[in-house]
Amino acid sequence: MTEAISSFRHPRFHGDTVKALSPTYIQEMRAHTDEGGQLSHRNGMDLLAEVERLQKMVQPQWFYPEGDTSSDACCESVNDVIDYYDLSPGKHYVIVECATQLPDVHCVVHVFNDEEKAARDDDENWQYVEYPSAADAKTALEAQP
């Protein structure tokens, strides 16, 4: 790996340099495994902490309904975007855009009707499942009764 790509700038991190690709960083991550690539409890916990740290670096802080990045549509979570859509009872395919370079979130949302709400033990109006792609979400939506 050349020094030119040993660190990179993500446009959404306000110019902070992330050195996740530096040779030193990679050596440190390799050191987390014992001989033979086996994980111990200690280095497994270290790796878990590192994964959580990296997730926080790329996790979007703002979410938007598809095609609307106005300040009025800016939401703090996928749940807030689903509320923003104000969907009618039934099952829906919803795209949530992230305020980072991460891909969109593809969701199948089931908005409960009055009978379904009464049969539930909670006060949620809907539930959703995220899918890795639009095709996966649409396939899941079509497969549901």
N, C-alpha and C. Protein backbone atom coordinates (compact mmCIF):
# COMPACT_ATOMS: atom_id res chain seq x y z
N MET A 1 0.85 -1.17 0.00
CA MET A 1 0.00 0.00 0.00
C MET A 1 0.90 1.23 0.00
N THR A 2 0.64 2.15 -0.89
CA THR A 2 1.47 3.35 -0.95
C THR A 2 1.00 4.35 0.09
N GLU A 3 1.90 5.25 0.44
CA GLU A 3 1.56 6.26 1.44
C GLU A 3 0.45 7.18 0.94
N ALA A 4 0.31 7.32 -0.38
CA ALA A 4 -0.72 8.19 -0.94
C ALA A 4 -2.13 7.72 -0.58
N ILE A 5 -2.31 6.40 -0.40
CA ILE A 5 -3.64 5.92 -0.04
C ILE A 5 -3.67 5.35 1.37
N SER A 6 -2.62 5.63 2.16
CA SER A 6 -2.60 5.09 3.51
C SER A 6 -3.57 5.83 4.42
N SER A 7 -4.01 6.99 4.02
CA SER A 7 -5.07 7.68 4.76
C SER A 7 -6.01 8.26 3.71
N PHE A 8 -7.24 8.50 4.09
CA PHE A 8 -8.19 9.04 3.13
C PHE A 8 -9.06 10.06 3.82
N ARG A 9 -9.70 10.90 3.03
CA ARG A 9 -10.62 11.91 3.53
C ARG A 9 -12.02 11.57 3.06
N HIS A 10 -12.90 11.50 4.01
CA HIS A 10 -14.29 11.29 3.68
C HIS A 10 -14.95 12.66 3.65
N PRO A 11 -15.66 13.00 2.58
CA PRO A 11 -16.21 14.36 2.45
C PRO A 11 -17.19 14.74 3.54
N ARG A 12 -17.81 13.79 4.20
CA ARG A 12 -18.80 14.09 5.23
C ARG A 12 -18.18 14.23 6.62
N PHE A 13 -16.87 14.01 6.76
CA PHE A 13 -16.25 14.11 8.07
C PHE A 13 -15.60 15.46 8.29
N HIS A 14 -16.02 16.46 7.55
CA HIS A 14 -15.56 17.84 7.72
C HIS A 14 -14.04 17.94 7.72
N GLY A 15 -13.37 17.18 6.85
CA GLY A 15 -11.94 17.31 6.68
C GLY A 15 -11.11 16.49 7.64
N ASP A 16 -11.71 15.79 8.60
CA ASP A 16 -10.91 14.95 9.50
C ASP A 16 -10.29 13.82 8.70
N THR A 17 -9.02 13.55 8.95
CA THR A 17 -8.35 12.48 8.25
C THR A 17 -8.57 11.18 8.99
N VAL A 18 -9.01 10.19 8.27
CA VAL A 18 -9.24 8.87 8.84
C VAL A 18 -8.11 7.99 8.37
N LYS A 19 -7.39 7.36 9.29
CA LYS A 19 -6.22 6.57 8.92
C LYS A 19 -6.49 5.08 9.03
N ALA A 20 -7.69 4.67 8.69
CA ALA A 20 -8.05 3.27 8.81
C ALA A 20 -7.28 2.38 7.85
N LEU A 21 -6.66 2.95 6.82
CA LEU A 21 -5.92 2.14 5.86
C LEU A 21 -4.42 2.23 6.06
N SER A 22 -3.95 2.91 7.07
CA SER A 22 -2.51 3.06 7.26
C SER A 22 -1.88 1.72 7.61
N PRO A 23 -0.62 1.49 7.19
CA PRO A 23 0.06 0.23 7.50
C PRO A 23 0.12 -0.05 9.00
N THR A 24 0.33 0.98 9.81
CA THR A 24 0.39 0.80 11.26
C THR A 24 -0.95 0.30 11.79
N TYR A 25 -2.03 0.88 11.31
CA TYR A 25 -3.36 0.49 11.73
C TYR A 25 -3.62 -0.98 11.38
N ILE A 26 -3.27 -1.36 10.16
CA ILE A 26 -3.48 -2.74 9.72
C ILE A 26 -2.66 -3.70 10.57
N GLN A 27 -1.41 -3.34 10.90
CA GLN A 27 -0.58 -4.19 11.76
C GLN A 27 -1.22 -4.34 13.14
N GLU A 28 -1.75 -3.25 13.69
CA GLU A 28 -2.40 -3.32 15.00
C GLU A 28 -3.61 -4.25 14.96
N MET A 29 -4.39 -4.18 13.88
CA MET A 29 -5.55 -5.06 13.77
C MET A 29 -5.13 -6.51 13.62
N ARG A 30 -4.04 -6.77 12.87
CA ARG A 30 -3.55 -8.14 12.75
C ARG A 30 -3.06 -8.66 14.09
N ALA A 31 -2.52 -7.78 14.93
CA ALA A 31 -2.01 -8.19 16.23
C ALA A 31 -3.13 -8.65 17.16
N HIS A 32 -4.37 -8.37 16.81
CA HIS A 32 -5.50 -8.79 17.64
C HIS A 32 -5.79 -10.28 17.55
N THR A 33 -5.15 -10.97 16.63
CA THR A 33 -5.36 -12.40 16.52
C THR A 33 -4.16 -13.14 17.07
N ASP A 34 -4.42 -14.28 17.69
CA ASP A 34 -3.34 -15.14 18.20
C ASP A 34 -2.75 -15.92 17.03
N GLU A 35 -1.77 -16.74 17.32
CA GLU A 35 -1.20 -17.60 16.29
C GLU A 35 -2.31 -18.47 15.70
N GLY A 36 -2.26 -18.64 14.43
CA GLY A 36 -3.28 -19.44 13.76
C GLY A 36 -4.57 -18.68 13.51
N GLY A 37 -4.59 -17.39 13.80
CA GLY A 37 -5.77 -16.58 13.54
C GLY A 37 -6.91 -16.80 14.51
N GLN A 38 -6.65 -17.42 15.66
CA GLN A 38 -7.69 -17.66 16.65
C GLN A 38 -7.89 -16.42 17.52
N LEU A 39 -9.12 -16.15 17.84
CA LEU A 39 -9.43 -15.00 18.69
C LEU A 39 -9.48 -15.44 20.15
N SER A 40 -8.93 -14.62 21.02
CA SER A 40 -9.11 -14.82 22.45
C SER A 40 -10.24 -13.91 22.90
N HIS A 41 -10.67 -14.05 24.14
CA HIS A 41 -11.72 -13.16 24.65
C HIS A 41 -11.26 -11.71 24.63
N ARG A 42 -10.02 -11.47 25.08
CA ARG A 42 -9.51 -10.10 25.14
C ARG A 42 -9.42 -9.47 23.76
N ASN A 43 -8.78 -10.15 22.82
CA ASN A 43 -8.65 -9.50 21.52
C ASN A 43 -9.97 -9.51 20.75
N GLY A 44 -10.85 -10.44 21.06
CA GLY A 44 -12.18 -10.41 20.47
C GLY A 44 -12.95 -9.18 20.93
N MET A 45 -12.81 -8.84 22.20
CA MET A 45 -13.47 -7.64 22.74
C MET A 45 -12.85 -6.38 22.14
N ASP A 46 -11.52 -6.41 21.94
CA ASP A 46 -10.86 -5.27 21.29
C ASP A 46 -11.38 -5.08 19.87
N LEU A 47 -11.53 -6.18 19.15
CA LEU A 47 -12.04 -6.09 17.78
C LEU A 47 -13.48 -5.59 17.76
N LEU A 48 -14.29 -6.06 18.69
CA LEU A 48 -15.67 -5.59 18.77
C LEU A 48 -15.71 -4.09 19.03
N ALA A 49 -14.87 -3.62 19.93
CA ALA A 49 -14.81 -2.18 20.21
C ALA A 49 -14.38 -1.40 18.97
N GLU A 50 -13.46 -1.95 18.20
CA GLU A 50 -13.00 -1.28 16.99
C GLU A 50 -14.10 -1.24 15.94
N VAL A 51 -14.85 -2.31 15.80
CA VAL A 51 -15.96 -2.34 14.85
C VAL A 51 -16.99 -1.28 15.24
N GLU A 52 -17.29 -1.19 16.53
CA GLU A 52 -18.26 -0.19 16.99
C GLU A 52 -17.75 1.22 16.73
N ARG A 53 -16.45 1.44 16.93
CA ARG A 53 -15.85 2.76 16.66
C ARG A 53 -15.97 3.11 15.18
N LEU A 54 -15.67 2.15 14.31
CA LEU A 54 -15.76 2.40 12.88
C LEU A 54 -17.21 2.61 12.44
N GLN A 55 -18.15 1.90 13.03
CA GLN A 55 -19.56 2.10 12.69
C GLN A 55 -20.00 3.52 13.04
N LYS A 56 -19.55 4.03 14.17
CA LYS A 56 -19.92 5.38 14.57
C LYS A 56 -19.36 6.42 13.61
N MET A 57 -18.17 6.12 13.01
CA MET A 57 -17.57 7.06 12.07
C MET A 57 -18.40 7.21 10.80
N VAL A 58 -19.03 6.13 10.35
CA VAL A 58 -19.74 6.19 9.09
C VAL A 58 -21.26 6.19 9.25
N GLN A 59 -21.74 6.04 10.47
CA GLN A 59 -23.18 6.05 10.69
C GLN A 59 -23.72 7.44 10.42
N PRO A 60 -24.73 7.54 9.57
CA PRO A 60 -25.28 8.86 9.27
C PRO A 60 -25.93 9.50 10.49
N GLN A 61 -25.83 10.82 10.54
CA GLN A 61 -26.48 11.55 11.63
C GLN A 61 -27.85 12.05 11.20
N TRP A 62 -28.07 12.14 9.90
CA TRP A 62 -29.34 12.66 9.40
C TRP A 62 -29.87 11.73 8.32
N PHE A 63 -31.19 11.64 8.26
CA PHE A 63 -31.87 10.78 7.31
C PHE A 63 -32.96 11.58 6.62
N TYR A 64 -33.27 11.21 5.37
CA TYR A 64 -34.25 11.95 4.58
C TYR A 64 -35.16 10.99 3.83
N PRO A 65 -36.41 11.41 3.57
CA PRO A 65 -37.26 10.65 2.66
C PRO A 65 -36.64 10.71 1.26
N GLU A 66 -36.90 9.72 0.47
CA GLU A 66 -36.31 9.66 -0.87
C GLU A 66 -36.60 10.95 -1.65
N GLY A 67 -35.55 11.55 -2.17
CA GLY A 67 -35.68 12.71 -3.05
C GLY A 67 -35.93 14.04 -2.36
N ASP A 68 -35.96 14.08 -1.04
CA ASP A 68 -36.25 15.34 -0.33
C ASP A 68 -35.19 15.57 0.75
N THR A 69 -34.17 16.34 0.41
CA THR A 69 -33.12 16.64 1.39
C THR A 69 -33.28 18.06 1.95
N SER A 70 -34.50 18.55 1.95
CA SER A 70 -34.77 19.87 2.51
C SER A 70 -34.65 19.82 4.04
N SER A 71 -34.45 20.96 4.64
CA SER A 71 -34.34 21.01 6.10
C SER A 71 -35.65 20.58 6.77
N ASP A 72 -36.78 20.79 6.11
CA ASP A 72 -38.07 20.37 6.67
C ASP A 72 -38.18 18.85 6.75
N ALA A 73 -37.51 18.15 5.83
CA ALA A 73 -37.60 16.69 5.78
C ALA A 73 -36.47 16.01 6.54
N CYS A 74 -35.55 16.76 7.08
CA CYS A 74 -34.40 16.20 7.79
C CYS A 74 -34.85 15.48 9.07
N CYS A 75 -34.43 14.23 9.22
CA CYS A 75 -34.86 13.42 10.36
C CYS A 75 -33.64 12.84 11.07
N GLU A 76 -33.83 12.46 12.33
CA GLU A 76 -32.73 11.93 13.13
C GLU A 76 -32.61 10.42 13.08
N SER A 77 -33.58 9.72 12.48
CA SER A 77 -33.53 8.26 12.45
C SER A 77 -34.40 7.75 11.30
N VAL A 78 -34.20 6.47 11.00
CA VAL A 78 -35.06 5.81 10.01
C VAL A 78 -36.51 5.86 10.49
N ASN A 79 -36.73 5.64 11.78
CA ASN A 79 -38.09 5.70 12.34
C ASN A 79 -38.74 7.05 12.08
N ASP A 80 -37.99 8.13 12.25
CA ASP A 80 -38.55 9.47 12.02
C ASP A 80 -38.94 9.66 10.56
N VAL A 81 -38.14 9.10 9.64
CA VAL A 81 -38.48 9.21 8.21
C VAL A 81 -39.77 8.44 7.92
N ILE A 82 -39.91 7.26 8.50
CA ILE A 82 -41.14 6.49 8.29
C ILE A 82 -42.34 7.27 8.81
N ASP A 83 -42.20 7.90 9.96
CA ASP A 83 -43.28 8.76 10.47
C ASP A 83 -43.55 9.91 9.50
N TYR A 84 -42.49 10.49 8.94
CA TYR A 84 -42.62 11.62 8.01
C TYR A 84 -43.45 11.23 6.78
N TYR A 85 -43.26 10.00 6.30
CA TYR A 85 -44.02 9.53 5.14
C TYR A 85 -45.53 9.48 5.42
N ASP A 86 -45.94 9.31 6.68
CA ASP A 86 -47.35 9.26 7.06
C ASP A 86 -48.11 8.25 6.20
N LEU A 87 -47.67 7.00 6.27
CA LEU A 87 -48.21 5.93 5.43
C LEU A 87 -49.57 5.44 5.92
N SER A 88 -50.38 5.00 4.99
CA SER A 88 -51.68 4.42 5.33
C SER A 88 -51.48 2.97 5.77
N PRO A 89 -52.46 2.37 6.45
CA PRO A 89 -52.32 0.96 6.85
C PRO A 89 -52.04 0.08 5.64
N GLY A 90 -51.19 -0.91 5.86
CA GLY A 90 -50.80 -1.82 4.80
C GLY A 90 -49.28 -1.97 4.77
N LYS A 91 -48.77 -2.56 3.70
CA LYS A 91 -47.34 -2.80 3.57
C LYS A 91 -46.79 -1.93 2.45
N HIS A 92 -45.64 -1.33 2.71
CA HIS A 92 -45.07 -0.35 1.79
C HIS A 92 -43.57 -0.57 1.65
N TYR A 93 -43.04 -0.25 0.47
CA TYR A 93 -41.60 -0.19 0.24
C TYR A 93 -41.19 1.27 0.40
N VAL A 94 -40.21 1.51 1.25
CA VAL A 94 -39.78 2.87 1.55
C VAL A 94 -38.26 2.97 1.38
N ILE A 95 -37.81 4.06 0.77
CA ILE A 95 -36.38 4.34 0.67
C ILE A 95 -36.05 5.49 1.61
N VAL A 96 -35.02 5.28 2.43
CA VAL A 96 -34.54 6.33 3.33
C VAL A 96 -33.13 6.69 2.89
N GLU A 97 -32.92 7.97 2.57
CA GLU A 97 -31.59 8.42 2.16
C GLU A 97 -30.77 8.80 3.38
N CYS A 98 -29.48 8.52 3.34
CA CYS A 98 -28.56 8.83 4.44
C CYS A 98 -27.76 10.08 4.09
N ALA A 99 -27.41 10.85 5.10
CA ALA A 99 -26.63 12.07 4.90
C ALA A 99 -25.13 11.77 4.90
N THR A 100 -24.77 10.61 4.38
CA THR A 100 -23.36 10.24 4.18
C THR A 100 -23.28 9.55 2.84
N GLN A 101 -22.11 9.07 2.51
CA GLN A 101 -21.94 8.36 1.26
C GLN A 101 -22.42 6.91 1.35
N LEU A 102 -23.03 6.54 2.45
CA LEU A 102 -23.57 5.20 2.60
C LEU A 102 -24.76 5.02 1.66
N PRO A 103 -25.02 3.77 1.27
CA PRO A 103 -26.19 3.54 0.40
C PRO A 103 -27.50 3.84 1.13
N ASP A 104 -28.54 4.03 0.33
CA ASP A 104 -29.87 4.25 0.89
C ASP A 104 -30.28 3.04 1.72
N VAL A 105 -31.22 3.28 2.63
CA VAL A 105 -31.80 2.21 3.44
C VAL A 105 -33.11 1.81 2.76
N HIS A 106 -33.22 0.52 2.44
CA HIS A 106 -34.42 0.00 1.78
C HIS A 106 -35.24 -0.74 2.82
N CYS A 107 -36.46 -0.28 3.03
CA CYS A 107 -37.31 -0.83 4.10
C CYS A 107 -38.63 -1.32 3.54
N VAL A 108 -39.13 -2.37 4.18
CA VAL A 108 -40.51 -2.77 3.99
C VAL A 108 -41.20 -2.43 5.31
N VAL A 109 -42.20 -1.57 5.21
CA VAL A 109 -42.91 -1.07 6.40
C VAL A 109 -44.31 -1.66 6.42
N HIS A 110 -44.69 -2.21 7.56
CA HIS A 110 -46.06 -2.69 7.75
C HIS A 110 -46.73 -1.72 8.72
N VAL A 111 -47.66 -0.94 8.21
CA VAL A 111 -48.45 -0.02 9.03
C VAL A 111 -49.70 -0.78 9.45
N PHE A 112 -49.91 -0.86 10.76
CA PHE A 112 -51.00 -1.66 11.29
C PHE A 112 -52.35 -0.96 11.13
N ASN A 113 -53.37 -1.76 10.81
CA ASN A 113 -54.73 -1.22 10.81
C ASN A 113 -55.27 -1.29 12.25
N ASP A 114 -56.48 -0.83 12.46
CA ASP A 114 -57.04 -0.78 13.82
C ASP A 114 -57.12 -2.15 14.47
N GLU A 115 -57.53 -3.17 13.70
CA GLU A 115 -57.61 -4.53 14.25
C GLU A 115 -56.23 -5.05 14.67
N GLU A 116 -55.23 -4.83 13.82
CA GLU A 116 -53.87 -5.29 14.13
C GLU A 116 -53.32 -4.57 15.36
N LYS A 117 -53.61 -3.27 15.47
CA LYS A 117 -53.15 -2.51 16.64
C LYS A 117 -53.77 -3.06 17.92
N ALA A 118 -55.06 -3.37 17.87
CA ALA A 118 -55.76 -3.88 19.05
C ALA A 118 -55.22 -5.24 19.48
N ALA A 119 -54.74 -6.04 18.54
CA ALA A 119 -54.24 -7.38 18.85
C ALA A 119 -52.80 -7.36 19.37
N ARG A 120 -52.14 -6.24 19.29
CA ARG A 120 -50.73 -6.15 19.71
C ARG A 120 -50.62 -5.75 21.18
N ASP A 121 -49.50 -6.13 21.78
CA ASP A 121 -49.25 -5.80 23.18
C ASP A 121 -48.48 -4.49 23.36
N ASP A 122 -48.28 -3.75 22.31
CA ASP A 122 -47.55 -2.47 22.42
C ASP A 122 -48.35 -1.38 21.71
N ASP A 123 -47.83 -0.19 21.71
CA ASP A 123 -48.56 0.92 21.10
C ASP A 123 -47.90 1.39 19.80
N GLU A 124 -47.12 0.51 19.19
CA GLU A 124 -46.49 0.86 17.91
C GLU A 124 -47.54 0.88 16.80
N ASN A 125 -47.39 1.82 15.89
CA ASN A 125 -48.31 1.92 14.75
C ASN A 125 -47.80 1.16 13.54
N TRP A 126 -46.52 0.83 13.53
CA TRP A 126 -45.92 0.15 12.39
C TRP A 126 -44.65 -0.56 12.83
N GLN A 127 -44.15 -1.43 11.93
CA GLN A 127 -42.85 -2.06 12.13
C GLN A 127 -42.19 -2.13 10.75
N TYR A 128 -40.87 -2.23 10.74
CA TYR A 128 -40.19 -2.30 9.46
C TYR A 128 -39.01 -3.25 9.53
N VAL A 129 -38.58 -3.69 8.34
CA VAL A 129 -37.41 -4.52 8.19
C VAL A 129 -36.55 -3.86 7.12
N GLU A 130 -35.25 -3.74 7.40
CA GLU A 130 -34.31 -3.18 6.43
C GLU A 130 -33.75 -4.29 5.55
N TYR A 131 -33.53 -3.97 4.28
CA TYR A 131 -32.96 -4.91 3.32
C TYR A 131 -31.74 -4.27 2.64
N PRO A 132 -30.80 -5.09 2.18
CA PRO A 132 -29.57 -4.54 1.59
C PRO A 132 -29.76 -3.90 0.22
N SER A 133 -30.86 -4.22 -0.45
CA SER A 133 -31.06 -3.65 -1.79
C SER A 133 -32.55 -3.45 -2.05
N ALA A 134 -32.83 -2.65 -3.07
CA ALA A 134 -34.21 -2.43 -3.48
C ALA A 134 -34.83 -3.74 -3.95
N ALA A 135 -34.07 -4.54 -4.69
CA ALA A 135 -34.59 -5.81 -5.20
C ALA A 135 -34.98 -6.74 -4.05
N ASP A 136 -34.13 -6.82 -3.02
CA ASP A 136 -34.44 -7.67 -1.86
C ASP A 136 -35.70 -7.18 -1.15
N ALA A 137 -35.81 -5.88 -0.98
CA ALA A 137 -36.99 -5.33 -0.28
C ALA A 137 -38.26 -5.57 -1.08
N LYS A 138 -38.18 -5.34 -2.39
CA LYS A 138 -39.37 -5.54 -3.22
C LYS A 138 -39.78 -7.01 -3.28
N THR A 139 -38.79 -7.90 -3.31
CA THR A 139 -39.09 -9.34 -3.30
C THR A 139 -39.78 -9.72 -1.98
N ALA A 140 -39.26 -9.19 -0.87
CA ALA A 140 -39.87 -9.47 0.44
C ALA A 140 -41.29 -8.90 0.51
N LEU A 141 -41.49 -7.73 -0.03
CA LEU A 141 -42.82 -7.11 -0.02
C LEU A 141 -43.82 -7.94 -0.84
N GLU A 142 -43.38 -8.41 -1.99
CA GLU A 142 -44.27 -9.22 -2.84
C GLU A 142 -44.59 -10.57 -2.20
N ALA A 143 -43.67 -11.10 -1.39
CA ALA A 143 -43.87 -12.40 -0.76
C ALA A 143 -44.79 -12.35 0.45
N GLN A 144 -45.02 -11.16 0.97
CA GLN A 144 -45.87 -11.03 2.16
C GLN A 144 -47.34 -11.06 1.76
N PRO A 145 -48.17 -11.67 2.61
CA PRO A 145 -49.61 -11.73 2.31
C PRO A 145 -50.27 -10.36 2.43
